[in-house]
Structure formats: structure tokens, C-alpha cells
Protein backbone atom coordinates (compact mmCIF):
# COMPACT_ATOMS: atom_id res chain seq x y z
CA MET A 1 -5.54 -7.44 -5.98
CA ASN A 2 -6.92 -6.81 -2.63
CA TRP A 3 -10.01 -8.21 -0.98
CA SER A 4 -11.32 -5.02 -0.66
CA GLY A 5 -11.67 -4.36 -4.61
CA LEU A 6 -14.36 -7.02 -4.42
CA GLU A 7 -16.39 -5.39 -1.49
CA ARG A 8 -15.81 -1.48 -2.77
CA SER A 9 -18.94 0.80 -3.15
CA ASP A 10 -18.79 3.70 -4.61
CA LYS A 11 -21.29 5.99 -2.95
CA LEU A 12 -20.94 9.36 -4.77
CA GLY A 13 -22.86 10.15 -7.89
CA LEU A 14 -20.88 11.38 -11.14
CA GLU A 15 -22.10 14.82 -10.22
CA GLN A 16 -21.72 14.61 -7.04
CA SER A 17 -18.52 13.74 -7.40
CA ASP A 18 -17.68 16.37 -9.90
CA LYS A 19 -19.06 19.05 -7.41
CA LEU A 20 -16.92 17.74 -4.70
CA GLY A 21 -13.81 18.26 -7.06
CA LEU A 22 -12.56 15.00 -6.50
CA GLU A 23 -9.82 14.14 -8.37
CA GLN A 24 -10.92 10.66 -8.99
CA SER A 25 -9.22 8.63 -11.97
CA ASP A 26 -10.50 8.50 -15.02
CA LYS A 27 -8.72 5.86 -15.78
CA PHE A 28 -8.68 1.89 -15.17
CA LYS A 29 -5.79 0.50 -13.37
CA ASP A 30 -4.00 -3.02 -13.62
CA GLU A 31 -3.20 -4.77 -10.43
CA CYS A 32 0.35 -5.71 -11.34
CA GLY A 33 3.23 -6.90 -13.18
CA VAL A 34 5.43 -9.67 -13.09
CA VAL A 35 8.92 -10.34 -13.68
CA ALA A 36 11.14 -13.69 -13.27
CA ILE A 37 14.98 -14.57 -13.84
CA HIS A 38 16.69 -17.95 -14.03
CA ASN A 39 20.68 -18.75 -14.51
CA HIS A 40 21.79 -14.92 -14.58
CA PRO A 41 25.06 -13.52 -11.80
CA GLU A 42 23.28 -11.05 -11.69
CA ALA A 43 19.22 -12.29 -11.62
CA ALA A 44 18.01 -9.28 -8.78
CA LYS A 45 19.15 -6.67 -11.30
CA LEU A 46 17.75 -7.56 -14.45
CA ALA A 47 14.64 -8.39 -12.26
CA TYR A 48 14.46 -4.85 -11.21
CA LEU A 49 15.11 -3.78 -15.06
CA GLY A 50 12.15 -5.68 -16.05
CA LEU A 51 10.36 -4.09 -13.02
CA HIS A 52 10.93 -0.78 -14.20
CA GLN A 53 9.51 -1.30 -17.81
CA LEU A 54 6.81 -2.87 -16.02
CA GLN A 55 5.94 0.24 -13.87
CA HIS A 56 3.02 1.48 -15.87
CA ARG A 57 0.83 -1.54 -13.75
CA GLY A 58 1.80 -0.98 -10.71
CA GLN A 59 2.41 2.58 -8.97
CA GLU A 60 2.37 1.43 -5.29
CA SER A 61 4.48 -0.69 -4.27
CA ALA A 62 6.96 -3.75 -5.24
CA GLY A 63 9.40 -6.46 -4.35
CA ILE A 64 11.97 -8.63 -5.55
CA VAL A 65 13.06 -11.94 -4.27
CA SER A 66 16.60 -13.51 -4.86
CA SER A 67 17.58 -17.26 -4.51
CA TYR A 68 21.35 -17.48 -3.01
CA GLY A 69 23.02 -20.09 -0.92
CA GLY A 70 19.87 -21.93 -0.37
CA ARG A 71 17.84 -19.75 0.80
CA LEU A 72 15.32 -16.96 -0.56
CA HIS A 73 16.35 -13.10 0.21
CA PRO A 74 13.28 -10.86 -0.45
CA HIS A 75 13.11 -6.83 -0.60
CA LYS A 76 9.79 -5.11 -1.15
CA ALA A 77 8.65 -1.51 -0.02
CA MET A 78 5.53 1.06 -1.03
CA GLY A 79 6.62 3.39 -3.56
CA LEU A 80 8.01 3.43 -7.60
CA VAL A 81 10.35 1.01 -8.31
CA ALA A 82 13.61 3.52 -9.06
CA ASP A 83 13.00 4.53 -5.43
CA ILE A 84 12.95 1.24 -3.53
CA PHE A 85 15.83 -0.61 -5.86
CA THR A 86 18.55 1.56 -4.86
CA GLU A 87 22.44 -0.14 -5.26
CA ASP A 88 22.58 -0.82 -1.85
CA VAL A 89 19.77 -2.90 -1.92
CA LEU A 90 19.89 -4.69 -4.91
CA ASP A 91 24.12 -5.88 -3.52
CA LYS A 92 22.03 -7.31 -1.09
CA LEU A 93 20.01 -9.43 -3.35
CA PRO A 94 22.62 -11.81 -4.39
CA GLY A 95 22.04 -15.08 -7.07
CA ALA A 96 21.28 -16.54 -9.84
CA LEU A 97 17.15 -16.76 -9.80
CA ALA A 98 15.07 -13.81 -8.75
CA ILE A 99 11.21 -13.20 -9.21
CA GLY A 100 9.90 -9.71 -8.99
CA HIS A 101 6.39 -7.60 -8.97
CA THR A 102 5.27 -4.10 -8.73
CA ARG A 103 1.65 -3.60 -7.86
CA TYR A 104 -1.40 -1.31 -7.83
CA SER A 105 -3.70 -1.62 -5.01
CA THR A 106 -7.47 -0.17 -4.46
CA ALA A 107 -8.07 2.56 -2.05
CA GLY A 108 -8.10 1.69 1.35
CA ASP A 109 -5.97 -1.38 1.82
CA SER A 110 -2.34 0.14 0.04
CA ALA A 111 -0.20 -1.34 2.79
CA HIS A 112 3.38 -2.61 3.36
CA LEU A 113 2.08 -6.03 4.51
CA ASN A 114 0.33 -6.48 0.88
CA ALA A 115 3.33 -5.59 -1.11
CA GLN A 116 4.78 -9.08 -3.24
CA PRO A 117 6.05 -11.43 -3.69
CA ILE A 118 5.01 -13.12 -0.85
CA MET A 119 7.26 -15.73 0.73
CA VAL A 120 6.76 -18.13 2.77
CA ASP A 121 8.33 -21.04 4.74
CA CYS A 122 6.55 -24.52 4.74
CA ASN A 123 6.48 -28.17 4.16
CA LYS A 124 7.18 -27.84 0.62
CA GLY A 125 10.50 -25.45 1.19
CA MET A 126 11.05 -21.39 0.77
CA ILE A 127 8.88 -20.26 -2.20
CA ALA A 128 8.04 -16.77 -3.35
CA ILE A 129 5.03 -15.97 -5.42
CA ALA A 130 4.10 -12.71 -7.46
CA HIS A 131 0.47 -12.68 -8.63
CA ASN A 132 -0.96 -10.62 -11.76
CA GLY A 133 -5.37 -10.97 -11.76
CA ASN A 134 -7.85 -11.66 -9.35
CA LEU A 135 -8.80 -14.91 -8.28
CA VAL A 136 -13.07 -14.95 -7.75
CA ASN A 137 -13.49 -17.59 -5.82
CA ALA A 138 -10.56 -16.37 -2.78
CA LEU A 139 -13.08 -15.03 -0.66
CA ASP A 140 -15.00 -18.76 -0.19
CA ILE A 141 -11.66 -19.99 -0.07
CA ARG A 142 -10.01 -18.30 2.37
CA SER A 143 -13.18 -18.30 4.65
CA ARG A 144 -12.71 -22.54 4.41
CA LEU A 145 -9.20 -22.00 5.18
CA GLU A 146 -9.56 -20.11 8.15
CA ALA A 147 -12.41 -22.55 9.50
CA GLN A 148 -9.32 -25.33 9.20
CA GLY A 149 -6.97 -22.95 11.17
CA SER A 150 -5.13 -21.66 9.07
CA ILE A 151 -3.66 -18.33 9.52
CA PHE A 152 -2.97 -15.39 7.17
CA GLN A 153 -0.64 -12.40 7.20
CA THR A 154 -2.03 -10.15 4.62
CA THR A 155 -5.60 -9.39 2.86
CA SER A 156 -4.34 -10.46 -0.15
CA ASP A 157 -5.98 -13.05 -2.63
CA THR A 158 -2.33 -13.98 -3.93
CA GLU A 159 -1.80 -15.63 -0.30
CA VAL A 160 -4.71 -18.24 -0.74
CA ILE A 161 -2.93 -19.52 -3.61
CA VAL A 162 0.29 -20.21 -0.90
CA HIS A 163 -1.90 -22.04 1.55
CA LEU A 164 -3.17 -24.49 -1.13
CA ILE A 165 0.31 -25.24 -2.16
CA ALA A 166 0.71 -25.70 1.80
CA GLN A 167 -1.80 -27.84 2.57
CA SER A 168 -1.64 -30.33 -0.84
CA LYS A 169 -1.44 -33.87 -0.44
CA GLU A 170 0.80 -34.16 -3.24
CA GLN A 171 3.88 -35.09 -2.60
CA THR A 172 6.20 -32.70 -5.51
CA LEU A 173 5.91 -29.63 -5.31
CA PRO A 174 5.28 -29.59 -9.18
CA GLU A 175 2.45 -31.69 -8.27
CA ALA A 176 1.17 -29.54 -5.57
CA ILE A 177 1.16 -26.58 -7.74
CA CYS A 178 -1.34 -28.04 -9.79
CA ASP A 179 -3.66 -28.97 -7.53
CA ALA A 180 -3.55 -25.53 -5.98
CA LEU A 181 -4.21 -24.31 -9.33
CA ARG A 182 -7.37 -26.77 -9.93
CA ARG A 183 -9.11 -25.23 -7.12
CA ILE A 184 -8.75 -21.45 -7.43
CA GLU A 185 -11.05 -19.73 -10.88
CA GLY A 186 -10.35 -16.45 -12.19
CA ALA A 187 -7.66 -14.55 -13.90
CA PHE A 188 -3.80 -15.50 -12.71
CA SER A 189 -0.44 -15.25 -14.41
CA LEU A 190 2.07 -16.11 -11.41
CA VAL A 191 5.80 -16.65 -11.12
CA ILE A 192 6.95 -18.99 -7.98
CA MET A 193 10.16 -19.44 -7.11
CA THR A 194 12.50 -22.22 -4.66
CA HIS A 195 15.87 -21.87 -4.05
CA ASP A 196 17.10 -23.43 -7.60
CA ARG A 197 13.62 -23.24 -9.80
CA VAL A 198 11.23 -20.88 -11.49
CA PHE A 199 7.60 -22.16 -12.18
CA ALA A 200 5.39 -19.80 -14.62
CA VAL A 201 1.42 -20.23 -14.88
CA ARG A 202 -1.36 -18.81 -16.98
CA ASP A 203 -4.90 -19.44 -15.87
CA PRO A 204 -6.94 -21.83 -18.17
CA ARG A 205 -8.38 -18.91 -19.88
CA GLY A 206 -5.26 -16.68 -20.23
CA PHE A 207 -7.18 -13.52 -19.05
CA ARG A 208 -3.81 -11.93 -18.13
CA PRO A 209 -0.38 -12.29 -20.41
CA LEU A 210 2.45 -13.76 -19.54
CA SER A 211 5.63 -14.31 -21.88
CA MET A 212 8.66 -16.52 -22.18
CA GLY A 213 12.46 -14.96 -23.22
CA ARG A 214 15.87 -16.00 -23.31
CA ILE A 215 19.13 -14.29 -23.15
CA HIS A 216 21.20 -15.90 -25.04
CA ASN A 217 25.04 -16.16 -23.13
CA GLY A 218 27.50 -17.27 -25.94
CA ALA A 219 28.89 -20.77 -26.98
CA GLY A 220 30.86 -21.41 -23.88
CA ALA A 221 27.88 -21.03 -21.56
CA GLU A 222 26.49 -24.25 -19.94
CA ARG A 223 23.62 -22.62 -20.14
CA ASP A 224 21.15 -19.72 -21.22
CA THR A 225 18.71 -17.44 -19.15
CA VAL A 226 15.46 -17.97 -19.52
CA VAL A 227 13.13 -14.69 -18.37
CA PHE A 228 9.42 -14.77 -17.53
CA ALA A 229 7.69 -10.84 -17.98
CA SER A 230 3.97 -9.71 -17.90
CA GLU A 231 4.61 -7.67 -20.90
CA THR A 232 7.30 -8.11 -23.97
CA CYS A 233 8.82 -4.71 -23.26
CA ALA A 234 10.49 -5.67 -19.96
CA PHE A 235 12.62 -8.10 -22.32
CA ASP A 236 14.20 -5.57 -24.94
CA LEU A 237 15.73 -3.35 -21.89
CA ILE A 238 17.62 -6.94 -20.62
CA GLY A 239 18.97 -7.86 -24.14
CA ALA A 240 15.80 -10.99 -23.55
CA VAL A 241 14.62 -12.39 -27.23
CA TYR A 242 11.02 -12.81 -26.49
CA GLU A 243 10.13 -16.58 -27.38
CA ARG A 244 6.71 -17.30 -27.09
CA ASP A 245 3.44 -16.92 -24.59
CA VAL A 246 3.28 -18.76 -21.74
CA LYS A 247 0.24 -20.64 -23.08
CA PRO A 248 -3.49 -20.82 -20.91
CA GLY A 249 -3.28 -23.68 -18.38
CA GLU A 250 0.81 -24.20 -19.15
CA LEU A 251 2.76 -24.81 -15.90
CA VAL A 252 6.36 -23.77 -16.92
CA VAL A 253 9.68 -25.34 -15.16
CA VAL A 254 12.59 -23.96 -15.40
CA SER A 255 15.30 -25.97 -13.21
CA PRO A 256 18.62 -26.61 -13.09
CA GLU A 257 17.94 -29.30 -15.92
CA GLY A 258 16.31 -27.64 -18.31
CA ILE A 259 13.03 -26.79 -18.90
CA THR A 260 9.99 -28.76 -18.98
CA SER A 261 6.03 -28.08 -19.31
CA ARG A 262 2.47 -29.34 -18.48
CA TYR A 263 -0.95 -28.31 -18.39
CA TYR A 264 -2.30 -28.54 -15.25
CA ALA A 265 -5.92 -27.47 -16.82
CA SER A 266 -7.65 -27.87 -19.85
CA GLY A 267 -10.97 -27.36 -21.77
CA ALA A 268 -11.66 -23.88 -21.31
CA LYS A 269 -12.25 -21.37 -23.95
CA GLN A 270 -9.72 -18.70 -24.17
CA THR A 271 -10.66 -14.90 -22.90
CA SER A 272 -8.00 -13.08 -22.71
CA CYS A 273 -8.75 -9.59 -21.54
CA ILE A 274 -8.74 -7.04 -24.53
CA PHE A 275 -8.38 -4.24 -22.69
CA GLU A 276 -4.60 -4.70 -22.51
CA HIS A 277 -4.67 -3.80 -25.93
CA VAL A 278 -6.83 -1.41 -25.48
CA TYR A 279 -5.28 0.68 -22.90
CA PHE A 280 -3.20 -1.45 -20.20
CA SER A 281 -0.17 -2.97 -22.44
CA ARG A 282 3.10 -0.48 -23.19
CA PRO A 283 2.36 0.06 -27.55
CA ASP A 284 5.56 -1.55 -27.82
CA SER A 285 4.90 -5.01 -26.14
CA MET A 286 3.50 -7.84 -27.70
CA VAL A 287 0.76 -8.82 -25.96
CA PHE A 288 -0.86 -12.41 -26.73
CA GLY A 289 1.00 -12.84 -29.89
CA ARG A 290 -0.05 -9.43 -31.56
CA PRO A 291 2.33 -6.23 -31.48
CA VAL A 292 -0.42 -3.83 -28.89
CA GLN A 293 0.50 -0.54 -31.61
CA THR A 294 -0.74 -2.25 -34.34
CA SER A 295 -4.25 -2.86 -32.50
CA ARG A 296 -4.22 0.29 -31.51
CA GLU A 297 -3.61 2.03 -34.62
CA ALA A 298 -6.47 -0.54 -36.06
CA MET A 299 -8.64 0.61 -33.69
CA GLY A 300 -8.04 4.44 -34.32
CA ARG A 301 -8.64 3.19 -37.93
CA GLN A 302 -11.81 1.66 -37.60
CA LEU A 303 -13.10 4.25 -35.18
CA ALA A 304 -12.58 6.91 -38.64
CA LYS A 305 -14.79 4.76 -40.57
CA GLU A 306 -17.51 4.39 -38.14
CA ALA A 307 -17.50 7.77 -36.51
CA PRO A 308 -16.35 10.06 -39.21
CA VAL A 309 -16.81 14.02 -38.68
CA GLU A 310 -15.78 17.14 -40.51
CA ALA A 311 -13.20 18.54 -38.82
CA ASP A 312 -9.85 20.39 -38.92
CA LEU A 313 -7.55 18.47 -36.89
CA VAL A 314 -7.34 15.11 -34.36
CA VAL A 315 -5.61 15.68 -31.23
CA PRO A 316 -4.94 12.84 -29.11
CA VAL A 317 -5.69 12.94 -25.24
CA PRO A 318 -2.27 11.75 -24.04
CA ASP A 319 -0.72 9.03 -23.59
CA SER A 320 -2.71 6.32 -24.00
CA GLY A 321 -4.88 8.39 -26.67
CA VAL A 322 -1.72 9.14 -29.00
CA THR A 323 -1.75 5.54 -31.15
CA ALA A 324 -4.99 5.35 -31.77
CA ALA A 325 -5.11 9.21 -33.13
CA LEU A 326 -2.68 8.30 -35.29
CA GLY A 327 -4.87 5.66 -36.70
CA TYR A 328 -7.97 7.99 -37.01
CA ALA A 329 -6.31 10.62 -38.51
CA ALA A 330 -4.66 8.27 -41.51
CA GLU A 331 -7.67 6.66 -42.07
CA SER A 332 -9.38 10.30 -42.26
CA GLY A 333 -7.33 11.93 -43.86
CA LEU A 334 -7.11 14.65 -41.21
CA PRO A 335 -4.12 15.92 -39.69
CA PHE A 336 -2.70 15.07 -36.47
CA ARG A 337 -1.31 17.41 -34.20
CA PHE A 338 0.04 17.60 -30.18
CA GLY A 339 -2.70 19.65 -29.07
CA LEU A 340 -2.15 19.08 -25.50
CA ILE A 341 1.10 18.58 -23.67
CA ARG A 342 1.23 16.06 -20.65
CA ASN A 343 4.04 16.98 -17.85
CA HIS A 344 5.60 13.28 -17.13
CA TYR A 345 6.87 14.64 -14.22
CA ILE A 346 3.99 14.92 -11.10
CA GLY A 347 5.20 13.60 -7.88
CA ARG A 348 2.54 12.15 -5.32
CA THR A 349 1.68 14.93 -3.53
CA PHE A 350 0.78 18.72 -4.87
CA ILE A 351 0.37 21.74 -3.24
CA GLU A 352 -2.93 23.70 -4.56
CA PRO A 353 -3.53 27.38 -3.82
CA GLU A 354 -5.66 28.06 -1.47
CA GLN A 355 -8.27 29.83 -4.07
CA ARG A 356 -9.34 26.77 -5.78
CA VAL A 357 -7.95 26.92 -9.44
CA ARG A 358 -10.67 25.51 -11.46
CA ASP A 359 -9.72 21.63 -13.13
CA PHE A 360 -6.30 22.27 -11.24
CA GLY A 361 -5.66 18.09 -11.30
CA VAL A 362 -6.02 17.66 -14.74
CA LYS A 363 -3.87 21.61 -15.60
CA LEU A 364 -1.02 19.93 -13.59
CA LYS A 365 -1.12 16.64 -15.94
CA LEU A 366 -2.20 18.35 -19.57
CA ASN A 367 -1.95 21.82 -20.98
CA PRO A 368 -3.49 22.83 -24.02
CA VAL A 369 -1.46 24.28 -26.75
CA ARG A 370 -3.62 27.66 -27.47
CA SER A 371 -1.91 28.37 -31.27
CA ILE A 372 -2.78 24.73 -32.43
CA LEU A 373 -6.50 24.69 -31.02
CA ALA A 374 -7.81 28.26 -31.66
CA GLY A 375 -10.50 28.54 -33.91
CA LYS A 376 -10.00 24.90 -35.00
CA ARG A 377 -12.46 21.98 -34.97
CA ILE A 378 -10.90 19.16 -33.55
CA VAL A 379 -11.37 15.19 -32.83
CA LEU A 380 -10.48 14.43 -29.72
CA ILE A 381 -8.87 11.10 -28.87
CA ASP A 382 -9.27 8.79 -25.94
CA ASP A 383 -8.87 5.13 -25.25
CA SER A 384 -11.73 5.32 -22.89
CA ILE A 385 -14.14 7.32 -20.37
CA VAL A 386 -14.71 5.67 -16.73
CA ARG A 387 -16.80 8.29 -14.69
CA GLY A 388 -16.78 11.05 -17.47
CA THR A 389 -15.52 13.63 -14.93
CA THR A 390 -11.56 13.68 -16.58
CA SER A 391 -12.87 13.97 -20.01
CA ARG A 392 -15.46 16.94 -18.90
CA LYS A 393 -12.83 18.84 -17.60
CA ILE A 394 -10.72 18.53 -21.08
CA VAL A 395 -13.33 19.37 -23.41
CA ARG A 396 -13.80 22.31 -21.38
CA MET A 397 -9.94 23.28 -21.34
CA MET A 398 -9.71 23.11 -25.48
CA ARG A 399 -12.84 25.27 -25.18
CA ASP A 400 -11.10 27.51 -23.04
CA ALA A 401 -8.02 27.60 -25.24
CA GLY A 402 -9.94 29.11 -27.91
CA ALA A 403 -11.20 24.72 -29.73
CA ARG A 404 -14.28 26.55 -31.65
CA GLU A 405 -15.67 22.38 -32.09
CA VAL A 406 -14.72 18.96 -29.86
CA HIS A 407 -16.13 15.83 -31.06
CA MET A 408 -15.10 13.03 -28.86
CA ARG A 409 -13.96 9.71 -30.36
CA ILE A 410 -13.39 6.57 -27.78
CA SER A 411 -10.94 3.53 -29.29
CA CYS A 412 -13.17 1.34 -27.10
CA PRO A 413 -16.88 0.47 -26.88
CA PRO A 414 -19.20 2.03 -23.48
CA THR A 415 -17.83 0.82 -19.93
CA ILE A 416 -20.93 -0.81 -18.47
CA SER A 417 -19.54 -3.55 -16.08
CA PRO A 418 -16.66 -3.59 -13.61
CA CYS A 419 -13.62 -6.18 -13.96
CA TYR A 420 -13.00 -8.98 -12.05
CA TYR A 421 -10.16 -10.59 -13.85
CA GLY A 422 -7.24 -8.07 -12.22
CA VAL A 423 -8.48 -4.42 -13.30
CA ASP A 424 -9.59 -2.26 -10.61
CA THR A 425 -12.70 -0.57 -11.84
CA PRO A 426 -15.23 1.52 -10.02
CA SER A 427 -18.71 0.23 -9.16
CA ARG A 428 -21.54 0.56 -11.56
CA SER A 429 -23.43 3.30 -9.82
CA GLN A 430 -19.78 5.28 -10.79
CA LEU A 431 -19.59 4.07 -14.91
CA ILE A 432 -21.29 6.55 -16.29
CA ALA A 433 -22.08 4.82 -19.80
CA ALA A 434 -23.83 2.14 -17.09
CA ASN A 435 -26.63 4.87 -16.41
CA LYS A 436 -26.35 7.24 -19.09
CA SER A 437 -26.98 7.02 -23.06
CA VAL A 438 -24.30 8.26 -25.30
CA ASP A 439 -25.75 11.52 -25.77
CA GLU A 440 -26.64 11.98 -22.13
CA ILE A 441 -22.39 11.52 -21.71
CA ARG A 442 -22.14 13.45 -24.26
CA GLU A 443 -24.10 16.45 -22.83
CA TYR A 444 -22.32 15.60 -19.62
CA ILE A 445 -18.47 16.16 -20.73
CA GLY A 446 -19.57 19.06 -23.02
CA ALA A 447 -18.94 17.72 -26.31
CA ASP A 448 -20.24 18.94 -29.68
CA SER A 449 -20.61 14.91 -30.93
CA LEU A 450 -19.36 11.74 -28.84
CA ALA A 451 -18.90 8.15 -30.46
CA TYR A 452 -17.40 5.16 -29.65
CA LEU A 453 -16.00 2.15 -31.40
CA SER A 454 -18.05 -0.60 -31.62
CA LEU A 455 -17.51 -3.94 -30.33
CA LYS A 456 -17.28 -5.84 -33.42
CA GLY A 457 -15.16 -3.63 -34.53
CA LEU A 458 -13.16 -3.17 -31.22
CA ARG A 459 -13.13 -7.60 -32.13
CA GLU A 460 -11.77 -6.98 -35.38
CA ALA A 461 -9.30 -4.36 -34.79
CA CYS A 462 -7.46 -7.06 -31.69
CA ALA A 463 -7.79 -10.17 -33.71
CA GLU A 464 -7.41 -9.99 -37.72
CA GLY A 465 -5.34 -12.71 -38.87
CA GLU A 466 -5.34 -13.91 -34.97
CA LYS A 467 -6.74 -16.78 -33.03
CA THR A 468 -6.82 -15.25 -29.49
CA THR A 469 -10.57 -14.58 -28.24
CA TYR A 470 -11.04 -12.23 -25.58
CA CYS A 471 -12.92 -11.40 -22.74
CA THR A 472 -15.22 -7.75 -23.49
CA SER A 473 -17.46 -8.53 -19.77
CA CYS A 474 -16.52 -5.10 -19.00
CA TYR A 475 -18.57 -3.90 -21.84
CA THR A 476 -21.41 -6.57 -22.00
CA GLY A 477 -22.02 -7.25 -18.32
CA ILE A 478 -21.04 -11.19 -19.21
CA TYR A 479 -18.68 -13.07 -18.16
CA PRO A 480 -16.92 -15.91 -18.95
CA THR A 481 -16.14 -17.55 -15.72
CA GLU A 482 -18.50 -19.37 -13.62
CA PHE A 483 -18.15 -18.16 -10.59
CA ILE A 484 -18.64 -14.07 -9.88
CA PRO A 485 -19.07 -11.64 -7.22
CA VAL A 486 -22.93 -11.28 -7.64
CA ASP A 487 -24.06 -9.15 -5.00
CA GLN A 488 -21.86 -6.24 -6.99
CA ILE A 489 -24.33 -7.13 -10.53
CA GLN A 490 -27.30 -6.41 -11.25
CA PRO A 491 -29.86 -9.07 -12.10
CA ALA A 492 -30.44 -9.25 -15.87
CA THR A 493 -26.27 -9.34 -15.79
CA VAL A 494 -26.21 -11.87 -13.18
CA LEU A 495 -28.89 -13.99 -15.40
CA ALA A 496 -27.00 -13.51 -18.43
CA ALA A 497 -23.54 -14.64 -16.69
CA LYS A 498 -25.08 -17.87 -15.64
CA LYS A 499 -26.00 -19.28 -19.47
CA LEU A 500 -22.37 -18.74 -20.38
């Protein structure tokens, strides 16, 4: 996470932003994904493959640190995983241990210095750390540490953890890590590496996912390879078998002596991010002990029960709306069709004609299939509406392609509050559902009807038969941590948050 993520302030209103033609994303972005490998002769290459599977969790920078000869060897850069880690680069990352990180940063703070893993050589030895999440009290801790003489090299909240570890009076590194973790608050799934061991950590509330797997090296091998990743889809590519999640408040240590586990904190209610199931995680992942595909199909089915409509076709907004649309179609009995085709090969920049083409940015990514849509009543399924600008353009595009009616259905509740736990979200002023009623949103995006999945329906879809309890603060404005950056929250929401 970046410090600017807590200080962000969007001054353009929804309509003004749309009039200026700004192509702001109408999707939330997760901050990052992490991976760790212990005891494999090509650890860096496995970390690279794992990061490739986690590319959806961050596309701005990536890094890998390996361990060889008693020292840590880093490489990180701006860009996509496959572009950064060439064969030559990976050959310079030798050793049997590695951790990796892929990152998305908030606007204005995209820089190489903030790329992870962060590596330091301190009084506890050489340490590398990679972080998924956001520390809500990081600014306060940083201010205190700087007043005491600490010098920070980045603007990332992750560096706070490194300083706390280095300053801890505990004698051993595991104890120093636990001491540091008890001082921070918020969302953090971490992988930490020294020259001979890997540590994996989740915060006491379990906001962000972190799974543990194993590569069985055969009867002749002295030890198996132990791996960690933000999502289990990373295991599939490298041939690892999912074993379990790192539990909230748990520190797992993998060393030459084997695997040990301890709890550095307990007693907090589990509040895992429900948006991992709604949007962030890949459908082929197991997250919080539950298949994401199962949750999303259940969301679509529940949405069809709560918000049926007379129509001819169910059409998803690809790719994030596909699985929920399958569920909606199955429950409603309506045919499922790919009426929008996504272009997966868009680069970082593009050249637009001097005479501006209406909805050019959306048309680069999506194109309607006129032969499917013409004359039809369409149920358009998407996972969320953030600002509404993209949804408005997609609805307009559907109508231009001949759709007779467009009924939009969203597989989660209205998003009314920012997230402070590792998700890049706009301020409340830019969240359309925080400022408009459902009918006003319908009118703004130009749909014939609009309905969202209820919060009760979402919880049931994501927790049927499971014990996981979820954070839903982006839908309620009620935050589970005692400390939140209250300067950005409306007074009623602050009061609600303090009651928890």
C-alpha cells in the first residue's frame, strides 16, 4: 500500500469526470500478491511462475528476492512479471529459497523505490519482506519512528514493519517479528525471508488470503518444497498441493529443521475481505477455504431470485461478470450468451484519433456482438459499479448495437464506503452509490432497470456451509478495526465504526 492511498482526494464529480472523458477505471484494484518458496533448486523460477498466476493482483511492479551463499539477491522493476523476469534475470537469482511480490500502486506514488520485496541488512541480519494489505496505523508509527531518528527509504507502509523488527528488543528474529506484528493494525498477509528460512503471516482478523502448499519431491528427497501464495491458482502451475490457509494471527516458520507454527495474537473476530470472492481472486482459486467459482455462481443464482426480470438473454461484462452470469442464467432459465467480447491484448498506451471517438476507452476493451444483441431484452451482469462511468458507456454501447432493453444486475450490494484494508478505492465523493439512490444510478447509466444483490444474499452466497465471517465495510461503512483514518469518513460512519 502507498501512503498516498490514505491521503487520496478526488475532486472531480461524477458528471464532471465523465464530461471530461477521463478513462478512470470503474473497478477496484487489489494492492498486491505474494509468493514464497522454500527448498527448491529453482526457487526463483517457481516464484516467477507463481507471480505470473497472481498478475491480476497487481500490474505496476514486481520483484523477487532469492537466497544463496548466505546472502539475499534481489531484482525488482516496474512492469509486468513476464517482462521483468527474463531468463537472464532469473539466472542471477540462484538458491533454494525465494519470495516474490506483484504490486498495484495508487496514482501519484508509482515508483521503483516502492516496489517489493523490501530488503534490509539490519541488526537482525538480512531480511526481505513482501506485503499484501494496508496498515491503518502506519502513518502514526512512521511519524514516531522518524521522530526517534529512523530514516525511511520508501513511501510504503510495509517499511514500517521492517523498522519495528529492527528496533525490537527481542533477541531472536521470530520473537522480534511477533513483537512488531503486535504493534501494527490493519490488513497484512506477509512473507518474510532470511538466508535460510521463510516466515508466513496473516493479521489477526484474516483480511487478506494466504495459502500454504507443498511440492512432494519423492521418496528419495530429504524434504519437500513448501510454498505460500496469495491464491491457490499459483500452486496449480508449479505442481504444488494446497494444504491449508495460514490462519489469522498465525506465524508459520519454514526452516532447515522443518515447519513450526505459533500464534502471535488471538481474540480478534475474523473479518476476511468478502470482495476477494466478489471480484479480486481468480475463479480457479480456493480463498478462505472456499472455491471462488462456487461463491460467484451462488451470487448469480441469488441475484436471479432477488431481482428477476422478463428478458431474452443473460450477458456478462467480461471477464469479472462471467461466473455470476452463469449462475443467474441457470437460476432464471434464460439463455447465456457472450454478447460482449473482451480484447485481452491492450498495451499500456494507445493512440486515439484526433477527432475523439465516443467511448473510445471502453471500446478498446469491449466490443458488442450485434447479431446476438439486436432486438433482444438483455440482462447485463457485472460484479460492481464504482463510479458508474464505465457502466454508462457499456449500456450505451449495448443500445447502439440494437439491444431493445438493458437490465443491469450487480452481484454485490452498492459500494458506499472506501476500503482501508489493502484495496485501492476512490473517496466517497467518487463512489456513485454513496451519492445517488439506486434509481438515480439507473438513470445515470441509462439502464431500463437496475438491481444489486442484497448484503444478506452476498453473505449467504459466500459462506454457505462455511465458518468464515467477512468484512463488508465497503457496503456498510462500519469498519472492524479500532483505528481508521477518520478524516476521510463522514461523521455518521465514524460513529458507527467506533461502536464496534
